[in-house]
Amino acid sequence: MSMNTTFNSLEELINHLKDLDRPQCFTVNYLPDTEQYNIWIGNQPYYNYERLIQLEEQDSDKLREKLNICKKALRIYADENHYVTDIHGMEIEATAMIDKGEMARRALEESE
């Protein structure tokens, strides 16, 4: 479990740190724009959390890429005048395009 909070003065921050159960991992950043101290406290080193965030971002990027490919396929399905047999490695049958065109148009309208 981790916590992220802000303190208005260094004294407040130090008093908070004195009351913590030990051992704890923490990072402190001074925020010059607001003249506050931002502290992150957790039971694992912060770099572990940074790594988890990075992995989640990579997963999100992969999902976003797949979503864009699917949207592209739907747009092609929805275009009755467009004829293709392959979209990004996905084989398409012409009859499927004709049969699914209206469904693809509705799906695109809902997703955008």
PDB file of N, CA and C in Angstrom:
ATOM      1  N   MET A   1       0.836  -1.171   0.000  1.00  0.00           N
ATOM      2  CA  MET A   1       0.000   0.000   0.000  1.00  0.00           C
ATOM      3  C   MET A   1       0.883   1.238   0.000  1.00  0.00           C
ATOM      4  N   SER A   2       0.435   2.274  -0.717  1.00  0.00           N
ATOM      5  CA  SER A   2       1.225   3.494  -0.767  1.00  0.00           C
ATOM      6  C   SER A   2       0.330   4.700  -0.531  1.00  0.00           C
ATOM      7  N   MET A   3       0.975   5.826  -0.278  1.00  0.00           N
ATOM      8  CA  MET A   3       0.259   7.055   0.007  1.00  0.00           C
ATOM      9  C   MET A   3       1.002   8.203  -0.647  1.00  0.00           C
ATOM     10  N   ASN A   4       0.264   9.172  -1.157  1.00  0.00           N
ATOM     11  CA  ASN A   4       0.860  10.350  -1.753  1.00  0.00           C
ATOM     12  C   ASN A   4       0.127  11.556  -1.178  1.00  0.00           C
ATOM     13  N   THR A   5       0.855  12.454  -0.525  1.00  0.00           N
ATOM     14  CA  THR A   5       0.199  13.615   0.083  1.00  0.00           C
ATOM     15  C   THR A   5       1.122  14.818   0.029  1.00  0.00           C
ATOM     16  N   THR A   6       0.583  15.969   0.397  1.00  0.00           N
ATOM     17  CA  THR A   6       1.330  17.221   0.320  1.00  0.00           C
ATOM     18  C   THR A   6       1.272  17.937   1.673  1.00  0.00           C
ATOM     19  N   PHE A   7       2.373  18.580   2.032  1.00  0.00           N
ATOM     20  CA  PHE A   7       2.455  19.352   3.266  1.00  0.00           C
ATOM     21  C   PHE A   7       2.851  20.779   2.940  1.00  0.00           C
ATOM     22  N   ASN A   8       2.350  21.713   3.747  1.00  0.00           N
ATOM     23  CA  ASN A   8       2.610  23.132   3.487  1.00  0.00           C
ATOM     24  C   ASN A   8       3.958  23.606   4.011  1.00  0.00           C
ATOM     25  N   SER A   9       4.515  22.883   4.960  1.00  0.00           N
ATOM     26  CA  SER A   9       5.808  23.314   5.502  1.00  0.00           C
ATOM     27  C   SER A   9       6.687  22.097   5.780  1.00  0.00           C
ATOM     28  N   LEU A  10       7.963  22.369   5.886  1.00  0.00           N
ATOM     29  CA  LEU A  10       8.928  21.319   6.192  1.00  0.00           C
ATOM     30  C   LEU A  10       8.677  20.761   7.592  1.00  0.00           C
ATOM     31  N   GLU A  11       8.273  21.608   8.518  1.00  0.00           N
ATOM     32  CA  GLU A  11       7.997  21.163   9.883  1.00  0.00           C
ATOM     33  C   GLU A  11       6.849  20.145   9.898  1.00  0.00           C
ATOM     34  N   GLU A  12       5.774  20.426   9.148  1.00  0.00           N
ATOM     35  CA  GLU A  12       4.654  19.481   9.062  1.00  0.00           C
ATOM     36  C   GLU A  12       5.124  18.133   8.514  1.00  0.00           C
ATOM     37  N   LEU A  13       5.933  18.201   7.470  1.00  0.00           N
ATOM     38  CA  LEU A  13       6.461  16.981   6.855  1.00  0.00           C
ATOM     39  C   LEU A  13       7.289  16.184   7.849  1.00  0.00           C
ATOM     40  N   ILE A  14       8.184  16.836   8.557  1.00  0.00           N
ATOM     41  CA  ILE A  14       9.054  16.148   9.517  1.00  0.00           C
ATOM     42  C   ILE A  14       8.229  15.537  10.650  1.00  0.00           C
ATOM     43  N   ASN A  15       7.240  16.252  11.140  1.00  0.00           N
ATOM     44  CA  ASN A  15       6.374  15.712  12.201  1.00  0.00           C
ATOM     45  C   ASN A  15       5.621  14.479  11.702  1.00  0.00           C
ATOM     46  N   HIS A  16       5.186  14.514  10.463  1.00  0.00           N
ATOM     47  CA  HIS A  16       4.499  13.352   9.897  1.00  0.00           C
ATOM     48  C   HIS A  16       5.452  12.152   9.799  1.00  0.00           C
ATOM     49  N   LEU A  17       6.678  12.411   9.370  1.00  0.00           N
ATOM     50  CA  LEU A  17       7.661  11.328   9.240  1.00  0.00           C
ATOM     51  C   LEU A  17       7.993  10.714  10.603  1.00  0.00           C
ATOM     52  N   LYS A  18       8.000  11.523  11.647  1.00  0.00           N
ATOM     53  CA  LYS A  18       8.299  11.015  12.987  1.00  0.00           C
ATOM     54  C   LYS A  18       7.259   9.994  13.450  1.00  0.00           C
ATOM     55  N   ASP A  19       6.016  10.157  12.989  1.00  0.00           N
ATOM     56  CA  ASP A  19       4.931   9.285  13.425  1.00  0.00           C
ATOM     57  C   ASP A  19       4.776   8.013  12.587  1.00  0.00           C
ATOM     58  N   LEU A  20       5.585   7.857  11.571  1.00  0.00           N
ATOM     59  CA  LEU A  20       5.465   6.681  10.704  1.00  0.00           C
ATOM     60  C   LEU A  20       5.974   5.421  11.375  1.00  0.00           C
ATOM     61  N   ASP A  21       5.312   4.296  11.069  1.00  0.00           N
ATOM     62  CA  ASP A  21       5.865   2.995  11.463  1.00  0.00           C
ATOM     63  C   ASP A  21       7.109   2.760  10.638  1.00  0.00           C
ATOM     64  N   ARG A  22       8.115   2.161  11.246  1.00  0.00           N
ATOM     65  CA  ARG A  22       9.355   1.921  10.512  1.00  0.00           C
ATOM     66  C   ARG A  22       9.460   0.458  10.166  1.00  0.00           C
ATOM     67  N   PRO A  23      10.129   0.055   9.140  1.00  0.00           N
ATOM     68  CA  PRO A  23      10.723   0.889   8.089  1.00  0.00           C
ATOM     69  C   PRO A  23       9.686   1.250   7.024  1.00  0.00           C
ATOM     70  N   GLN A  24       9.869   2.353   6.382  1.00  0.00           N
ATOM     71  CA  GLN A  24       9.031   2.813   5.277  1.00  0.00           C
ATOM     72  C   GLN A  24       9.937   3.363   4.191  1.00  0.00           C
ATOM     73  N   CYS A  25       9.522   3.156   2.942  1.00  0.00           N
ATOM     74  CA  CYS A  25      10.200   3.782   1.816  1.00  0.00           C
ATOM     75  C   CYS A  25       9.465   5.083   1.527  1.00  0.00           C
ATOM     76  N   PHE A  26      10.192   6.140   1.226  1.00  0.00           N
ATOM     77  CA  PHE A  26       9.507   7.374   0.868  1.00  0.00           C
ATOM     78  C   PHE A  26      10.391   8.240  -0.017  1.00  0.00           C
ATOM     79  N   THR A  27       9.721   9.100  -0.780  1.00  0.00           N
ATOM     80  CA  THR A  27      10.410  10.119  -1.566  1.00  0.00           C
ATOM     81  C   THR A  27       9.729  11.445  -1.268  1.00  0.00           C
ATOM     82  N   VAL A  28      10.533  12.504  -1.220  1.00  0.00           N
ATOM     83  CA  VAL A  28      10.020  13.844  -0.949  1.00  0.00           C
ATOM     84  C   VAL A  28      10.443  14.750  -2.098  1.00  0.00           C
ATOM     85  N   ASN A  29       9.497  15.536  -2.577  1.00  0.00           N
ATOM     86  CA  ASN A  29       9.783  16.524  -3.617  1.00  0.00           C
ATOM     87  C   ASN A  29       9.290  17.886  -3.154  1.00  0.00           C
ATOM     88  N   TYR A  30      10.121  18.882  -3.330  1.00  0.00           N
ATOM     89  CA  TYR A  30       9.695  20.245  -3.044  1.00  0.00           C
ATOM     90  C   TYR A  30       9.050  20.797  -4.304  1.00  0.00           C
ATOM     91  N   LEU A  31       7.864  21.397  -4.161  1.00  0.00           N
ATOM     92  CA  LEU A  31       7.131  21.955  -5.296  1.00  0.00           C
ATOM     93  C   LEU A  31       7.245  23.478  -5.241  1.00  0.00           C
ATOM     94  N   PRO A  32       8.180  24.071  -5.987  1.00  0.00           N
ATOM     95  CA  PRO A  32       8.425  25.509  -5.859  1.00  0.00           C
ATOM     96  C   PRO A  32       7.238  26.381  -6.275  1.00  0.00           C
ATOM     97  N   ASP A  33       6.413  25.913  -7.194  1.00  0.00           N
ATOM     98  CA  ASP A  33       5.265  26.719  -7.627  1.00  0.00           C
ATOM     99  C   ASP A  33       4.276  26.954  -6.496  1.00  0.00           C
ATOM    100  N   THR A  34       4.068  25.928  -5.679  1.00  0.00           N
ATOM    101  CA  THR A  34       3.105  26.039  -4.577  1.00  0.00           C
ATOM    102  C   THR A  34       3.795  26.159  -3.218  1.00  0.00           C
ATOM    103  N   GLU A  35       5.111  26.060  -3.225  1.00  0.00           N
ATOM    104  CA  GLU A  35       5.917  26.092  -1.997  1.00  0.00           C
ATOM    105  C   GLU A  35       5.451  25.039  -1.001  1.00  0.00           C
ATOM    106  N   GLN A  36       5.188  23.842  -1.535  1.00  0.00           N
ATOM    107  CA  GLN A  36       4.749  22.723  -0.709  1.00  0.00           C
ATOM    108  C   GLN A  36       5.720  21.556  -0.888  1.00  0.00           C
ATOM    109  N   TYR A  37       5.582  20.602   0.021  1.00  0.00           N
ATOM    110  CA  TYR A  37       6.374  19.382  -0.045  1.00  0.00           C
ATOM    111  C   TYR A  37       5.439  18.222  -0.377  1.00  0.00           C
ATOM    112  N   ASN A  38       5.770  17.507  -1.422  1.00  0.00           N
ATOM    113  CA  ASN A  38       4.982  16.345  -1.832  1.00  0.00           C
ATOM    114  C   ASN A  38       5.741  15.104  -1.383  1.00  0.00           C
ATOM    115  N   ILE A  39       5.043  14.199  -0.711  1.00  0.00           N
ATOM    116  CA  ILE A  39       5.699  12.990  -0.216  1.00  0.00           C
ATOM    117  C   ILE A  39       4.944  11.759  -0.693  1.00  0.00           C
ATOM    118  N   TRP A  40       5.695  10.793  -1.123  1.00  0.00           N
ATOM    119  CA  TRP A  40       5.154   9.474  -1.459  1.00  0.00           C
ATOM    120  C   TRP A  40       5.720   8.512  -0.430  1.00  0.00           C
ATOM    121  N   ILE A  41       4.834   7.701   0.169  1.00  0.00           N
ATOM    122  CA  ILE A  41       5.255   6.721   1.178  1.00  0.00           C
ATOM    123  C   ILE A  41       4.703   5.361   0.777  1.00  0.00           C
ATOM    124  N   GLY A  42       5.523   4.336   0.851  1.00  0.00           N
ATOM    125  CA  GLY A  42       5.080   2.993   0.517  1.00  0.00           C
ATOM    126  C   GLY A  42       5.894   1.937   1.230  1.00  0.00           C
ATOM    127  N   ASN A  43       5.473   0.682   1.059  1.00  0.00           N
ATOM    128  CA  ASN A  43       6.197  -0.406   1.719  1.00  0.00           C
ATOM    129  C   ASN A  43       7.167  -1.095   0.770  1.00  0.00           C
ATOM    130  N   GLN A  44       7.305  -0.558  -0.443  1.00  0.00           N
ATOM    131  CA  GLN A  44       8.284  -1.047  -1.414  1.00  0.00           C
ATOM    132  C   GLN A  44       9.008   0.163  -1.989  1.00  0.00           C
ATOM    133  N   PRO A  45      10.215  -0.012  -2.477  1.00  0.00           N
ATOM    134  CA  PRO A  45      10.900   1.125  -3.094  1.00  0.00           C
ATOM    135  C   PRO A  45      10.076   1.708  -4.246  1.00  0.00           C
ATOM    136  N   TYR A  46      10.146   3.013  -4.406  1.00  0.00           N
ATOM    137  CA  TYR A  46       9.343   3.715  -5.402  1.00  0.00           C
ATOM    138  C   TYR A  46       9.602   3.202  -6.812  1.00  0.00           C
ATOM    139  N   TYR A  47      10.848   2.782  -7.109  1.00  0.00           N
ATOM    140  CA  TYR A  47      11.135   2.314  -8.467  1.00  0.00           C
ATOM    141  C   TYR A  47      10.292   1.099  -8.837  1.00  0.00           C
ATOM    142  N   ASN A  48       9.868   0.307  -7.839  1.00  0.00           N
ATOM    143  CA  ASN A  48       8.963  -0.814  -8.139  1.00  0.00           C
ATOM    144  C   ASN A  48       7.642  -0.292  -8.700  1.00  0.00           C
ATOM    145  N   TYR A  49       7.122   0.783  -8.108  1.00  0.00           N
ATOM    146  CA  TYR A  49       5.880   1.367  -8.579  1.00  0.00           C
ATOM    147  C   TYR A  49       6.060   2.012  -9.950  1.00  0.00           C
ATOM    148  N   GLU A  50       7.202   2.673 -10.148  1.00  0.00           N
ATOM    149  CA  GLU A  50       7.474   3.271 -11.461  1.00  0.00           C
ATOM    150  C   GLU A  50       7.487   2.188 -12.537  1.00  0.00           C
ATOM    151  N   ARG A  51       8.066   1.046 -12.227  1.00  0.00           N
ATOM    152  CA  ARG A  51       8.124  -0.072 -13.177  1.00  0.00           C
ATOM    153  C   ARG A  51       6.712  -0.589 -13.474  1.00  0.00           C
ATOM    154  N   LEU A  52       5.881  -0.718 -12.446  1.00  0.00           N
ATOM    155  CA  LEU A  52       4.496  -1.156 -12.653  1.00  0.00           C
ATOM    156  C   LEU A  52       3.735  -0.165 -13.534  1.00  0.00           C
ATOM    157  N   ILE A  53       3.936   1.113 -13.289  1.00  0.00           N
ATOM    158  CA  ILE A  53       3.285   2.141 -14.106  1.00  0.00           C
ATOM    159  C   ILE A  53       3.744   2.024 -15.556  1.00  0.00           C
ATOM    160  N   GLN A  54       5.035   1.821 -15.755  1.00  0.00           N
ATOM    161  CA  GLN A  54       5.585   1.681 -17.110  1.00  0.00           C
ATOM    162  C   GLN A  54       4.980   0.467 -17.815  1.00  0.00           C
ATOM    163  N   LEU A  55       4.860  -0.653 -17.107  1.00  0.00           N
ATOM    164  CA  LEU A  55       4.269  -1.861 -17.705  1.00  0.00           C
ATOM    165  C   LEU A  55       2.803  -1.631 -18.066  1.00  0.00           C
ATOM    166  N   GLU A  56       2.064  -0.939 -17.205  1.00  0.00           N
ATOM    167  CA  GLU A  56       0.665  -0.639 -17.500  1.00  0.00           C
ATOM    168  C   GLU A  56       0.542   0.266 -18.721  1.00  0.00           C
ATOM    169  N   GLU A  57       1.452   1.230 -18.835  1.00  0.00           N
ATOM    170  CA  GLU A  57       1.434   2.124 -20.005  1.00  0.00           C
ATOM    171  C   GLU A  57       1.731   1.345 -21.284  1.00  0.00           C
ATOM    172  N   GLN A  58       2.662   0.393 -21.207  1.00  0.00           N
ATOM    173  CA  GLN A  58       2.963  -0.430 -22.384  1.00  0.00           C
ATOM    174  C   GLN A  58       1.753  -1.268 -22.773  1.00  0.00           C
ATOM    175  N   ASP A  59       1.069  -1.846 -21.781  1.00  0.00           N
ATOM    176  CA  ASP A  59      -0.148  -2.618 -22.066  1.00  0.00           C
ATOM    177  C   ASP A  59      -1.210  -1.730 -22.698  1.00  0.00           C
ATOM    178  N   SER A  60      -1.346  -0.506 -22.174  1.00  0.00           N
ATOM    179  CA  SER A  60      -2.326   0.430 -22.737  1.00  0.00           C
ATOM    180  C   SER A  60      -1.984   0.777 -24.174  1.00  0.00           C
ATOM    181  N   ASP A  61      -0.705   0.967 -24.455  1.00  0.00           N
ATOM    182  CA  ASP A  61      -0.280   1.279 -25.826  1.00  0.00           C
ATOM    183  C   ASP A  61      -0.611   0.132 -26.778  1.00  0.00           C
ATOM    184  N   LYS A  62      -0.386  -1.107 -26.324  1.00  0.00           N
ATOM    185  CA  LYS A  62      -0.699  -2.270 -27.159  1.00  0.00           C
ATOM    186  C   LYS A  62      -2.197  -2.364 -27.412  1.00  0.00           C
ATOM    187  N   LEU A  63      -2.994  -2.140 -26.371  1.00  0.00           N
ATOM    188  CA  LEU A  63      -4.448  -2.186 -26.530  1.00  0.00           C
ATOM    189  C   LEU A  63      -4.942  -1.068 -27.447  1.00  0.00           C
ATOM    190  N   ARG A  64      -4.349   0.123 -27.312  1.00  0.00           N
ATOM    191  CA  ARG A  64      -4.730   1.247 -28.175  1.00  0.00           C
ATOM    192  C   ARG A  64      -4.406   0.929 -29.638  1.00  0.00           C
ATOM    193  N   GLU A  65      -3.266   0.280 -29.868  1.00  0.00           N
ATOM    194  CA  GLU A  65      -2.887  -0.105 -31.223  1.00  0.00           C
ATOM    195  C   GLU A  65      -3.882  -1.115 -31.793  1.00  0.00           C
ATOM    196  N   LYS A  66      -4.257  -2.115 -30.988  1.00  0.00           N
ATOM    197  CA  LYS A  66      -5.245  -3.096 -31.442  1.00  0.00           C
ATOM    198  C   LYS A  66      -6.586  -2.440 -31.724  1.00  0.00           C
ATOM    199  N   LEU A  67      -6.982  -1.501 -30.867  1.00  0.00           N
ATOM    200  CA  LEU A  67      -8.239  -0.786 -31.061  1.00  0.00           C
ATOM    201  C   LEU A  67      -8.224  -0.019 -32.378  1.00  0.00           C
ATOM    202  N   ASN A  68      -7.111   0.650 -32.671  1.00  0.00           N
ATOM    203  CA  ASN A  68      -7.007   1.394 -33.927  1.00  0.00           C
ATOM    204  C   ASN A  68      -7.078   0.470 -35.135  1.00  0.00           C
ATOM    205  N   ILE A  69      -6.489  -0.717 -35.036  1.00  0.00           N
ATOM    206  CA  ILE A  69      -6.565  -1.690 -36.126  1.00  0.00           C
ATOM    207  C   ILE A  69      -8.009  -2.136 -36.319  1.00  0.00           C
ATOM    208  N   CYS A  70      -8.703  -2.404 -35.225  1.00  0.00           N
ATOM    209  CA  CYS A  70     -10.106  -2.828 -35.315  1.00  0.00           C
ATOM    210  C   CYS A  70     -10.974  -1.721 -35.887  1.00  0.00           C
ATOM    211  N   LYS A  71     -10.724  -0.476 -35.496  1.00  0.00           N
ATOM    212  CA  LYS A  71     -11.485   0.639 -36.059  1.00  0.00           C
ATOM    213  C   LYS A  71     -11.236   0.762 -37.559  1.00  0.00           C
ATOM    214  N   LYS A  72      -9.987   0.551 -37.945  1.00  0.00           N
ATOM    215  CA  LYS A  72      -9.659   0.607 -39.376  1.00  0.00           C
ATOM    216  C   LYS A  72     -10.426  -0.481 -40.125  1.00  0.00           C
ATOM    217  N   ALA A  73     -10.459  -1.674 -39.543  1.00  0.00           N
ATOM    218  CA  ALA A  73     -11.193  -2.776 -40.177  1.00  0.00           C
ATOM    219  C   ALA A  73     -12.676  -2.448 -40.260  1.00  0.00           C
ATOM    220  N   LEU A  74     -13.236  -1.876 -39.199  1.00  0.00           N
ATOM    221  CA  LEU A  74     -14.653  -1.506 -39.222  1.00  0.00           C
ATOM    222  C   LEU A  74     -14.941  -0.451 -40.279  1.00  0.00           C
ATOM    223  N   ARG A  75     -14.038   0.521 -40.412  1.00  0.00           N
ATOM    224  CA  ARG A  75     -14.242   1.557 -41.432  1.00  0.00           C
ATOM    225  C   ARG A  75     -14.247   0.944 -42.833  1.00  0.00           C
ATOM    226  N   ILE A  76     -13.376  -0.027 -43.043  1.00  0.00           N
ATOM    227  CA  ILE A  76     -13.334  -0.675 -44.361  1.00  0.00           C
ATOM    228  C   ILE A  76     -14.581  -1.510 -44.579  1.00  0.00           C
ATOM    229  N   TYR A  77     -15.014  -2.225 -43.532  1.00  0.00           N
ATOM    230  CA  TYR A  77     -16.270  -2.977 -43.628  1.00  0.00           C
ATOM    231  C   TYR A  77     -17.430  -2.045 -43.971  1.00  0.00           C
ATOM    232  N   ALA A  78     -17.448  -0.877 -43.331  1.00  0.00           N
ATOM    233  CA  ALA A  78     -18.568   0.047 -43.489  1.00  0.00           C
ATOM    234  C   ALA A  78     -18.589   0.701 -44.864  1.00  0.00           C
ATOM    235  N   ASP A  79     -17.465   0.743 -45.543  1.00  0.00           N
ATOM    236  CA  ASP A  79     -17.383   1.360 -46.875  1.00  0.00           C
ATOM    237  C   ASP A  79     -17.717   0.310 -47.928  1.00  0.00           C
ATOM    238  N   GLU A  80     -18.921   0.394 -48.486  1.00  0.00           N
ATOM    239  CA  GLU A  80     -19.385  -0.613 -49.448  1.00  0.00           C
ATOM    240  C   GLU A  80     -18.584  -0.615 -50.751  1.00  0.00           C
ATOM    241  N   ASN A  81     -17.914   0.488 -51.045  1.00  0.00           N
ATOM    242  CA  ASN A  81     -17.166   0.592 -52.296  1.00  0.00           C
ATOM    243  C   ASN A  81     -15.709   0.161 -52.152  1.00  0.00           C
ATOM    244  N   HIS A  82     -15.326  -0.228 -50.965  1.00  0.00           N
ATOM    245  CA  HIS A  82     -13.927  -0.589 -50.712  1.00  0.00           C
ATOM    246  C   HIS A  82     -13.790  -2.113 -50.736  1.00  0.00           C
ATOM    247  N   TYR A  83     -12.834  -2.611 -51.473  1.00  0.00           N
ATOM    248  CA  TYR A  83     -12.629  -4.057 -51.564  1.00  0.00           C
ATOM    249  C   TYR A  83     -11.212  -4.401 -51.128  1.00  0.00           C
ATOM    250  N   VAL A  84     -11.092  -5.198 -50.071  1.00  0.00           N
ATOM    251  CA  VAL A  84      -9.785  -5.665 -49.606  1.00  0.00           C
ATOM    252  C   VAL A  84      -9.903  -7.129 -49.205  1.00  0.00           C
ATOM    253  N   THR A  85      -8.779  -7.790 -49.139  1.00  0.00           N
ATOM    254  CA  THR A  85      -8.777  -9.177 -48.682  1.00  0.00           C
ATOM    255  C   THR A  85      -7.941  -9.349 -47.414  1.00  0.00           C
ATOM    256  N   ASP A  86      -7.247  -8.273 -46.992  1.00  0.00           N
ATOM    257  CA  ASP A  86      -6.361  -8.382 -45.842  1.00  0.00           C
ATOM    258  C   ASP A  86      -6.255  -7.015 -45.151  1.00  0.00           C
ATOM    259  N   ILE A  87      -6.438  -7.023 -43.830  1.00  0.00           N
ATOM    260  CA  ILE A  87      -6.232  -5.810 -43.041  1.00  0.00           C
ATOM    261  C   ILE A  87      -5.282  -6.161 -41.914  1.00  0.00           C
ATOM    262  N   HIS A  88      -4.071  -5.650 -42.008  1.00  0.00           N
ATOM    263  CA  HIS A  88      -3.064  -5.842 -40.955  1.00  0.00           C
ATOM    264  C   HIS A  88      -2.944  -7.318 -40.556  1.00  0.00           C
ATOM    265  N   GLY A  89      -2.885  -8.190 -41.563  1.00  0.00           N
ATOM    266  CA  GLY A  89      -2.726  -9.615 -41.312  1.00  0.00           C
ATOM    267  C   GLY A  89      -4.021 -10.365 -41.066  1.00  0.00           C
ATOM    268  N   MET A  90      -5.154  -9.668 -41.058  1.00  0.00           N
ATOM    269  CA  MET A  90      -6.442 -10.291 -40.815  1.00  0.00           C
ATOM    270  C   MET A  90      -7.122 -10.494 -42.177  1.00  0.00           C
ATOM    271  N   GLU A  91      -7.411 -11.752 -42.533  1.00  0.00           N
ATOM    272  CA  GLU A  91      -8.037 -12.020 -43.827  1.00  0.00           C
ATOM    273  C   GLU A  91      -9.513 -11.641 -43.792  1.00  0.00           C
ATOM    274  N   ILE A  92      -9.971 -11.014 -44.868  1.00  0.00           N
ATOM    275  CA  ILE A  92     -11.348 -10.545 -44.974  1.00  0.00           C
ATOM    276  C   ILE A  92     -11.976 -11.172 -46.221  1.00  0.00           C
ATOM    277  N   GLU A  93     -13.157 -11.711 -46.055  1.00  0.00           N
ATOM    278  CA  GLU A  93     -13.894 -12.236 -47.204  1.00  0.00           C
ATOM    279  C   GLU A  93     -14.837 -11.163 -47.713  1.00  0.00           C
ATOM    280  N   ALA A  94     -14.948 -11.046 -49.027  1.00  0.00           N
ATOM    281  CA  ALA A  94     -15.789 -10.001 -49.617  1.00  0.00           C
ATOM    282  C   ALA A  94     -17.237 -10.133 -49.174  1.00  0.00           C
ATOM    283  N   THR A  95     -17.748 -11.337 -49.074  1.00  0.00           N
ATOM    284  CA  THR A  95     -19.149 -11.520 -48.667  1.00  0.00           C
ATOM    285  C   THR A  95     -19.353 -11.058 -47.230  1.00  0.00           C
ATOM    286  N   ALA A  96     -18.347 -11.270 -46.391  1.00  0.00           N
ATOM    287  CA  ALA A  96     -18.458 -10.817 -45.006  1.00  0.00           C
ATOM    288  C   ALA A  96     -18.525  -9.302 -44.966  1.00  0.00           C
ATOM    289  N   MET A  97     -17.779  -8.649 -45.850  1.00  0.00           N
ATOM    290  CA  MET A  97     -17.803  -7.194 -45.882  1.00  0.00           C
ATOM    291  C   MET A  97     -19.194  -6.688 -46.234  1.00  0.00           C
ATOM    292  N   ILE A  98     -19.817  -7.285 -47.203  1.00  0.00           N
ATOM    293  CA  ILE A  98     -21.139  -6.838 -47.632  1.00  0.00           C
ATOM    294  C   ILE A  98     -22.159  -7.096 -46.529  1.00  0.00           C
ATOM    295  N   ASP A  99     -22.124  -8.285 -45.938  1.00  0.00           N
ATOM    296  CA  ASP A  99     -23.090  -8.652 -44.904  1.00  0.00           C
ATOM    297  C   ASP A  99     -22.927  -7.825 -43.636  1.00  0.00           C
ATOM    298  N   LYS A 100     -21.712  -7.448 -43.302  1.00  0.00           N
ATOM    299  CA  LYS A 100     -21.448  -6.803 -42.020  1.00  0.00           C
ATOM    300  C   LYS A 100     -21.309  -5.289 -42.121  1.00  0.00           C
ATOM    301  N   GLY A 101     -21.481  -4.720 -43.282  1.00  0.00           N
ATOM    302  CA  GLY A 101     -21.281  -3.283 -43.474  1.00  0.00           C
ATOM    303  C   GLY A 101     -22.121  -2.424 -42.561  1.00  0.00           C
ATOM    304  N   GLU A 102     -23.408  -2.712 -42.461  1.00  0.00           N
ATOM    305  CA  GLU A 102     -24.299  -1.908 -41.613  1.00  0.00           C
ATOM    306  C   GLU A 102     -23.933  -2.063 -40.139  1.00  0.00           C
ATOM    307  N   MET A 103     -23.598  -3.276 -39.714  1.00  0.00           N
ATOM    308  CA  MET A 103     -23.187  -3.489 -38.323  1.00  0.00           C
ATOM    309  C   MET A 103     -21.901  -2.717 -38.028  1.00  0.00           C
ATOM    310  N   ALA A 104     -20.981  -2.701 -38.979  1.00  0.00           N
ATOM    311  CA  ALA A 104     -19.721  -1.983 -38.792  1.00  0.00           C
ATOM    312  C   ALA A 104     -19.988  -0.487 -38.663  1.00  0.00           C
ATOM    313  N   ARG A 105     -20.885   0.054 -39.482  1.00  0.00           N
ATOM    314  CA  ARG A 105     -21.198   1.472 -39.396  1.00  0.00           C
ATOM    315  C   ARG A 105     -21.773   1.819 -38.019  1.00  0.00           C
ATOM    316  N   ARG A 106     -22.672   0.983 -37.500  1.00  0.00           N
ATOM    317  CA  ARG A 106     -23.248   1.239 -36.171  1.00  0.00           C
ATOM    318  C   ARG A 106     -22.181   1.147 -35.084  1.00  0.00           C
ATOM    319  N   ALA A 107     -21.307   0.157 -35.182  1.00  0.00           N
ATOM    320  CA  ALA A 107     -20.238   0.000 -34.180  1.00  0.00           C
ATOM    321  C   ALA A 107     -19.308   1.206 -34.182  1.00  0.00           C
ATOM    322  N   LEU A 108     -19.009   1.717 -35.362  1.00  0.00           N
ATOM    323  CA  LEU A 108     -18.151   2.902 -35.448  1.00  0.00           C
ATOM    324  C   LEU A 108     -18.833   4.110 -34.826  1.00  0.00           C
ATOM    325  N   GLU A 109     -20.101   4.278 -35.087  1.00  0.00           N
ATOM    326  CA  GLU A 109     -20.840   5.415 -34.512  1.00  0.00           C
ATOM    327  C   GLU A 109     -20.822   5.344 -32.994  1.00  0.00           C
ATOM    328  N   GLU A 110     -20.963   4.161 -32.416  1.00  0.00           N
ATOM    329  CA  GLU A 110     -20.970   3.993 -30.969  1.00  0.00           C
ATOM    330  C   GLU A 110     -19.593   4.209 -30.352  1.00  0.00           C
ATOM    331  N   SER A 111     -18.527   3.867 -31.093  1.00  0.00           N
ATOM    332  CA  SER A 111     -17.169   3.945 -30.524  1.00  0.00           C
ATOM    333  C   SER A 111     -16.564   5.333 -30.650  1.00  0.00           C
ATOM    334  N   GLU A 112     -17.137   6.180 -31.437  1.00  0.00           N
ATOM    335  CA  GLU A 112     -16.527   7.516 -31.637  1.00  0.00           C
ATOM    336  C   GLU A 112     -17.313   8.613 -31.009  1.00  0.00           C
TER     337      GLU A 112
END
